[in-house]
Amino acid sequence: QVQLVESGGGLVQPGGSLRLSCAASGSILSFNAMGWYRQAPGKQRELVARITSGGSINYADPVKGRFTISRDNAKNTLYLQMNALKLEDTAVYYCAARTSAATMYGYWGQGTQVTVSS
């Protein structure tokens, strides 16, 4: 079964940058869409960004202009470049995937912690 593993999280100062990676055990070409979610303390998990198999990209309003989602099919890896980080970006970030538009995001990674602090 396919597995997703996130990496790249850590501690960064406000205004800094970080790049998250999500490595899949199988071909990401099998996925209709992949995305990044995050869950901050005391809040529900929310969608940050997604990218479809056709290259369509969507971002949540709070991260527009600062975050960039991308993928490398040859490496079976999804990325999230995060720039101009803010305190409110602090959360556990999760990689997720679905096999078709008719299904839920049924594949999840274990998450990676991102902490923005001065």
N, C-alpha and C. Protein backbone atom coordinates (compact mmCIF):
# COMPACT_ATOMS: atom_id res chain seq x y z
N GLN A 1 0.85 -1.18 0.00
CA GLN A 1 0.00 0.00 0.00
C GLN A 1 0.89 1.24 0.00
N VAL A 2 0.39 2.30 -0.62
CA VAL A 2 1.16 3.53 -0.72
C VAL A 2 1.32 4.17 0.65
N GLN A 3 2.50 4.75 0.88
CA GLN A 3 2.78 5.46 2.12
C GLN A 3 3.35 6.84 1.78
N LEU A 4 3.04 7.82 2.63
CA LEU A 4 3.53 9.17 2.45
C LEU A 4 4.36 9.56 3.67
N VAL A 5 5.52 10.14 3.43
CA VAL A 5 6.41 10.53 4.52
C VAL A 5 6.85 11.97 4.35
N GLU A 6 6.49 12.83 5.32
CA GLU A 6 6.86 14.24 5.28
C GLU A 6 8.23 14.46 5.93
N SER A 7 8.89 15.53 5.51
CA SER A 7 10.15 15.94 6.11
C SER A 7 10.36 17.43 5.83
N GLY A 8 11.32 18.03 6.52
CA GLY A 8 11.66 19.42 6.28
C GLY A 8 11.16 20.41 7.30
N GLY A 9 10.39 19.96 8.26
CA GLY A 9 9.89 20.86 9.29
C GLY A 9 10.99 21.27 10.25
N GLY A 10 10.70 22.27 11.08
CA GLY A 10 11.68 22.74 12.04
C GLY A 10 11.31 24.07 12.63
N LEU A 11 12.28 24.70 13.30
CA LEU A 11 12.10 26.00 13.93
C LEU A 11 12.66 27.09 13.04
N VAL A 12 11.87 28.14 12.82
CA VAL A 12 12.30 29.24 11.97
C VAL A 12 11.78 30.56 12.54
N GLN A 13 12.52 31.65 12.32
CA GLN A 13 12.10 32.97 12.79
C GLN A 13 11.07 33.58 11.84
N PRO A 14 10.24 34.50 12.33
CA PRO A 14 9.29 35.19 11.46
C PRO A 14 10.00 35.82 10.27
N GLY A 15 9.40 35.66 9.09
CA GLY A 15 10.00 36.18 7.88
C GLY A 15 10.92 35.20 7.19
N GLY A 16 11.21 34.09 7.84
CA GLY A 16 12.09 33.09 7.28
C GLY A 16 11.39 32.17 6.30
N SER A 17 12.15 31.20 5.77
CA SER A 17 11.63 30.26 4.78
C SER A 17 11.91 28.82 5.17
N LEU A 18 11.09 27.92 4.62
CA LEU A 18 11.23 26.50 4.89
C LEU A 18 10.62 25.75 3.71
N ARG A 19 11.20 24.60 3.36
CA ARG A 19 10.62 23.77 2.31
C ARG A 19 10.30 22.40 2.85
N LEU A 20 9.04 22.00 2.72
CA LEU A 20 8.60 20.69 3.15
C LEU A 20 8.58 19.73 1.97
N SER A 21 8.87 18.46 2.24
CA SER A 21 8.85 17.42 1.22
C SER A 21 7.94 16.29 1.66
N CYS A 22 7.30 15.65 0.69
CA CYS A 22 6.45 14.50 0.94
C CYS A 22 6.82 13.42 -0.05
N ALA A 23 7.47 12.37 0.43
CA ALA A 23 7.91 11.28 -0.43
C ALA A 23 6.89 10.15 -0.42
N ALA A 24 6.47 9.71 -1.60
CA ALA A 24 5.51 8.62 -1.73
C ALA A 24 6.24 7.32 -2.06
N SER A 25 5.72 6.21 -1.54
CA SER A 25 6.34 4.91 -1.79
C SER A 25 6.04 4.38 -3.18
N GLY A 26 5.02 4.94 -3.83
CA GLY A 26 4.66 4.55 -5.18
C GLY A 26 4.59 5.77 -6.09
N SER A 27 4.18 5.55 -7.33
CA SER A 27 4.09 6.63 -8.30
C SER A 27 2.98 7.61 -7.93
N ILE A 28 3.31 8.90 -7.89
CA ILE A 28 2.29 9.90 -7.59
C ILE A 28 1.39 10.16 -8.79
N LEU A 29 1.71 9.55 -9.92
CA LEU A 29 0.86 9.66 -11.10
C LEU A 29 -0.46 8.93 -10.87
N SER A 30 -0.52 8.08 -9.85
CA SER A 30 -1.74 7.36 -9.51
C SER A 30 -2.76 8.25 -8.81
N PHE A 31 -2.32 9.42 -8.34
CA PHE A 31 -3.18 10.31 -7.58
C PHE A 31 -3.86 11.36 -8.44
N ASN A 32 -5.16 11.53 -8.20
CA ASN A 32 -5.91 12.59 -8.87
C ASN A 32 -5.49 13.96 -8.34
N ALA A 33 -5.16 14.00 -7.04
CA ALA A 33 -4.74 15.25 -6.42
C ALA A 33 -3.91 14.97 -5.18
N MET A 34 -3.03 15.90 -4.87
CA MET A 34 -2.26 15.85 -3.64
C MET A 34 -2.32 17.22 -2.99
N GLY A 35 -2.22 17.24 -1.67
CA GLY A 35 -2.32 18.51 -0.99
C GLY A 35 -1.60 18.54 0.34
N TRP A 36 -1.48 19.75 0.87
CA TRP A 36 -0.90 19.96 2.19
C TRP A 36 -1.98 20.49 3.13
N TYR A 37 -2.10 19.88 4.28
CA TYR A 37 -2.99 20.33 5.34
C TYR A 37 -2.14 20.73 6.53
N ARG A 38 -2.72 21.50 7.43
CA ARG A 38 -2.03 21.83 8.67
C ARG A 38 -3.02 21.90 9.82
N GLN A 39 -2.52 21.65 11.01
CA GLN A 39 -3.34 21.73 12.20
C GLN A 39 -2.56 22.47 13.28
N ALA A 40 -3.06 23.64 13.65
CA ALA A 40 -2.45 24.46 14.69
C ALA A 40 -3.07 24.11 16.04
N PRO A 41 -2.39 24.44 17.13
CA PRO A 41 -2.93 24.16 18.47
C PRO A 41 -4.31 24.79 18.68
N GLY A 42 -5.27 23.99 19.11
CA GLY A 42 -6.60 24.49 19.38
C GLY A 42 -7.46 24.72 18.15
N LYS A 43 -6.99 24.35 16.97
CA LYS A 43 -7.74 24.55 15.75
C LYS A 43 -7.94 23.24 14.99
N GLN A 44 -8.92 23.25 14.08
CA GLN A 44 -9.17 22.09 13.24
C GLN A 44 -8.18 22.04 12.09
N ARG A 45 -8.02 20.85 11.54
CA ARG A 45 -7.13 20.69 10.41
C ARG A 45 -7.71 21.43 9.20
N GLU A 46 -6.86 22.15 8.47
CA GLU A 46 -7.31 22.93 7.33
C GLU A 46 -6.44 22.69 6.11
N LEU A 47 -7.05 22.83 4.94
CA LEU A 47 -6.32 22.68 3.69
C LEU A 47 -5.48 23.92 3.44
N VAL A 48 -4.21 23.72 3.13
CA VAL A 48 -3.29 24.81 2.85
C VAL A 48 -3.15 25.03 1.35
N ALA A 49 -2.92 23.95 0.61
CA ALA A 49 -2.74 24.02 -0.83
C ALA A 49 -2.97 22.65 -1.45
N ARG A 50 -3.37 22.63 -2.72
CA ARG A 50 -3.54 21.37 -3.42
C ARG A 50 -3.10 21.52 -4.86
N ILE A 51 -2.74 20.39 -5.47
CA ILE A 51 -2.38 20.36 -6.89
C ILE A 51 -2.98 19.10 -7.49
N THR A 52 -3.65 19.22 -8.63
CA THR A 52 -4.27 18.08 -9.29
C THR A 52 -3.32 17.45 -10.29
N SER A 53 -3.73 16.30 -10.82
CA SER A 53 -2.92 15.60 -11.81
C SER A 53 -2.74 16.43 -13.08
N GLY A 54 -3.70 17.33 -13.34
CA GLY A 54 -3.63 18.19 -14.50
C GLY A 54 -2.86 19.48 -14.27
N GLY A 55 -2.38 19.69 -13.05
CA GLY A 55 -1.58 20.86 -12.75
C GLY A 55 -2.35 22.04 -12.17
N SER A 56 -3.64 21.87 -11.92
CA SER A 56 -4.43 22.93 -11.33
C SER A 56 -4.05 23.10 -9.85
N ILE A 57 -3.84 24.34 -9.42
CA ILE A 57 -3.39 24.63 -8.07
C ILE A 57 -4.33 25.58 -7.35
N ASN A 58 -4.57 25.30 -6.08
CA ASN A 58 -5.37 26.18 -5.23
C ASN A 58 -4.65 26.40 -3.91
N TYR A 59 -4.78 27.62 -3.37
CA TYR A 59 -4.19 27.97 -2.08
C TYR A 59 -5.24 28.55 -1.15
N ALA A 60 -5.06 28.31 0.13
CA ALA A 60 -5.89 28.96 1.12
C ALA A 60 -5.50 30.43 1.17
N ASP A 61 -6.47 31.31 1.42
CA ASP A 61 -6.22 32.75 1.42
C ASP A 61 -5.06 33.19 2.31
N PRO A 62 -4.91 32.65 3.52
CA PRO A 62 -3.83 33.11 4.40
C PRO A 62 -2.42 32.87 3.87
N VAL A 63 -2.25 31.96 2.91
CA VAL A 63 -0.91 31.64 2.43
C VAL A 63 -0.66 32.09 1.00
N LYS A 64 -1.65 32.67 0.35
CA LYS A 64 -1.48 33.12 -1.03
C LYS A 64 -0.37 34.16 -1.13
N GLY A 65 0.51 33.97 -2.11
CA GLY A 65 1.62 34.88 -2.30
C GLY A 65 2.83 34.55 -1.48
N ARG A 66 2.71 33.62 -0.54
CA ARG A 66 3.82 33.26 0.32
C ARG A 66 4.25 31.80 0.16
N PHE A 67 3.29 30.92 -0.09
CA PHE A 67 3.56 29.48 -0.22
C PHE A 67 3.45 29.05 -1.68
N THR A 68 4.22 28.02 -2.05
CA THR A 68 4.16 27.46 -3.38
C THR A 68 4.16 25.94 -3.31
N ILE A 69 3.15 25.31 -3.91
CA ILE A 69 3.08 23.86 -3.95
C ILE A 69 3.58 23.38 -5.32
N SER A 70 4.31 22.27 -5.32
CA SER A 70 4.84 21.72 -6.57
C SER A 70 5.07 20.22 -6.40
N ARG A 71 5.34 19.55 -7.49
CA ARG A 71 5.62 18.11 -7.43
C ARG A 71 6.68 17.73 -8.44
N ASP A 72 7.34 16.61 -8.16
CA ASP A 72 8.33 16.04 -9.06
C ASP A 72 7.91 14.60 -9.29
N ASN A 73 7.31 14.33 -10.44
CA ASN A 73 6.79 13.00 -10.74
C ASN A 73 7.90 11.94 -10.79
N ALA A 74 9.06 12.31 -11.30
CA ALA A 74 10.17 11.36 -11.40
C ALA A 74 10.66 10.92 -10.03
N LYS A 75 10.57 11.82 -9.05
CA LYS A 75 11.02 11.51 -7.69
C LYS A 75 9.87 11.09 -6.78
N ASN A 76 8.65 11.09 -7.31
CA ASN A 76 7.46 10.74 -6.53
C ASN A 76 7.38 11.57 -5.25
N THR A 77 7.60 12.87 -5.40
CA THR A 77 7.67 13.75 -4.26
C THR A 77 6.85 15.02 -4.45
N LEU A 78 6.16 15.43 -3.40
CA LEU A 78 5.40 16.67 -3.35
C LEU A 78 6.15 17.66 -2.46
N TYR A 79 6.12 18.94 -2.82
CA TYR A 79 6.84 19.96 -2.07
C TYR A 79 5.92 21.11 -1.66
N LEU A 80 6.31 21.79 -0.59
CA LEU A 80 5.65 23.03 -0.19
C LEU A 80 6.74 24.01 0.22
N GLN A 81 6.96 25.03 -0.62
CA GLN A 81 7.91 26.08 -0.32
C GLN A 81 7.18 27.16 0.46
N MET A 82 7.66 27.47 1.66
CA MET A 82 7.03 28.44 2.53
C MET A 82 7.97 29.62 2.75
N ASN A 83 7.54 30.80 2.33
CA ASN A 83 8.32 32.02 2.49
C ASN A 83 7.57 33.02 3.36
N ALA A 84 8.30 34.01 3.86
CA ALA A 84 7.70 35.06 4.69
C ALA A 84 6.82 34.47 5.79
N LEU A 85 7.36 33.51 6.50
CA LEU A 85 6.59 32.80 7.52
C LEU A 85 6.16 33.71 8.66
N LYS A 86 4.96 33.45 9.17
CA LYS A 86 4.38 34.22 10.25
C LYS A 86 4.14 33.32 11.46
N LEU A 87 3.95 33.93 12.61
CA LEU A 87 3.70 33.17 13.83
C LEU A 87 2.50 32.24 13.67
N GLU A 88 1.47 32.71 12.98
CA GLU A 88 0.26 31.93 12.81
C GLU A 88 0.41 30.74 11.86
N ASP A 89 1.57 30.61 11.22
CA ASP A 89 1.84 29.46 10.38
C ASP A 89 2.29 28.25 11.19
N THR A 90 2.52 28.45 12.47
CA THR A 90 2.95 27.36 13.34
C THR A 90 1.87 26.27 13.39
N ALA A 91 2.26 25.05 13.04
CA ALA A 91 1.31 23.93 12.99
C ALA A 91 2.05 22.65 12.62
N VAL A 92 1.33 21.54 12.73
CA VAL A 92 1.82 20.29 12.18
C VAL A 92 1.30 20.23 10.75
N TYR A 93 2.18 20.03 9.80
CA TYR A 93 1.82 20.00 8.39
C TYR A 93 1.76 18.56 7.90
N TYR A 94 0.67 18.24 7.19
CA TYR A 94 0.43 16.89 6.70
C TYR A 94 0.33 16.85 5.18
N CYS A 95 0.88 15.82 4.60
CA CYS A 95 0.74 15.54 3.18
C CYS A 95 -0.44 14.59 3.00
N ALA A 96 -1.26 14.82 1.97
CA ALA A 96 -2.42 13.98 1.71
C ALA A 96 -2.60 13.75 0.22
N ALA A 97 -3.29 12.66 -0.13
CA ALA A 97 -3.52 12.33 -1.53
C ALA A 97 -4.83 11.57 -1.72
N ARG A 98 -5.38 11.67 -2.93
CA ARG A 98 -6.58 10.91 -3.29
C ARG A 98 -6.38 10.34 -4.68
N THR A 99 -7.06 9.23 -4.97
CA THR A 99 -6.89 8.55 -6.26
C THR A 99 -7.88 9.02 -7.32
N SER A 100 -8.95 9.69 -6.93
CA SER A 100 -9.91 10.24 -7.88
C SER A 100 -10.66 11.40 -7.24
N ALA A 101 -11.33 12.19 -8.09
CA ALA A 101 -12.09 13.34 -7.60
C ALA A 101 -13.31 12.91 -6.80
N ALA A 102 -13.72 11.66 -6.95
CA ALA A 102 -14.90 11.15 -6.27
C ALA A 102 -14.61 10.61 -4.87
N THR A 103 -13.34 10.57 -4.49
CA THR A 103 -12.95 10.02 -3.20
C THR A 103 -12.42 11.09 -2.26
N MET A 104 -12.34 10.74 -0.98
CA MET A 104 -11.77 11.62 0.01
C MET A 104 -10.25 11.50 -0.02
N TYR A 105 -9.58 12.39 0.68
CA TYR A 105 -8.13 12.29 0.82
C TYR A 105 -7.85 11.17 1.81
N GLY A 106 -7.72 9.95 1.29
CA GLY A 106 -7.58 8.78 2.12
C GLY A 106 -6.16 8.39 2.47
N TYR A 107 -5.19 9.03 1.86
CA TYR A 107 -3.78 8.73 2.14
C TYR A 107 -3.17 9.91 2.87
N TRP A 108 -2.53 9.62 4.00
CA TRP A 108 -1.96 10.67 4.86
C TRP A 108 -0.58 10.30 5.36
N GLY A 109 0.26 11.31 5.51
CA GLY A 109 1.55 11.13 6.13
C GLY A 109 1.42 11.32 7.63
N GLN A 110 2.51 11.16 8.35
CA GLN A 110 2.50 11.28 9.81
C GLN A 110 2.60 12.72 10.28
N GLY A 111 2.98 13.63 9.41
CA GLY A 111 3.07 15.03 9.76
C GLY A 111 4.47 15.47 10.13
N THR A 112 4.74 16.76 9.93
CA THR A 112 6.02 17.35 10.32
C THR A 112 5.75 18.70 10.99
N GLN A 113 6.41 18.95 12.10
CA GLN A 113 6.18 20.16 12.89
C GLN A 113 6.90 21.36 12.31
N VAL A 114 6.15 22.46 12.15
CA VAL A 114 6.71 23.74 11.74
C VAL A 114 6.44 24.74 12.86
N THR A 115 7.48 25.32 13.41
CA THR A 115 7.34 26.29 14.49
C THR A 115 7.98 27.61 14.08
N VAL A 116 7.18 28.67 14.07
CA VAL A 116 7.67 30.01 13.74
C VAL A 116 7.69 30.81 15.03
N SER A 117 8.87 31.20 15.45
CA SER A 117 9.02 31.90 16.73
C SER A 117 10.22 32.83 16.70
N SER A 118 10.09 33.97 17.40
CA SER A 118 11.18 34.92 17.52
C SER A 118 12.02 34.68 18.76
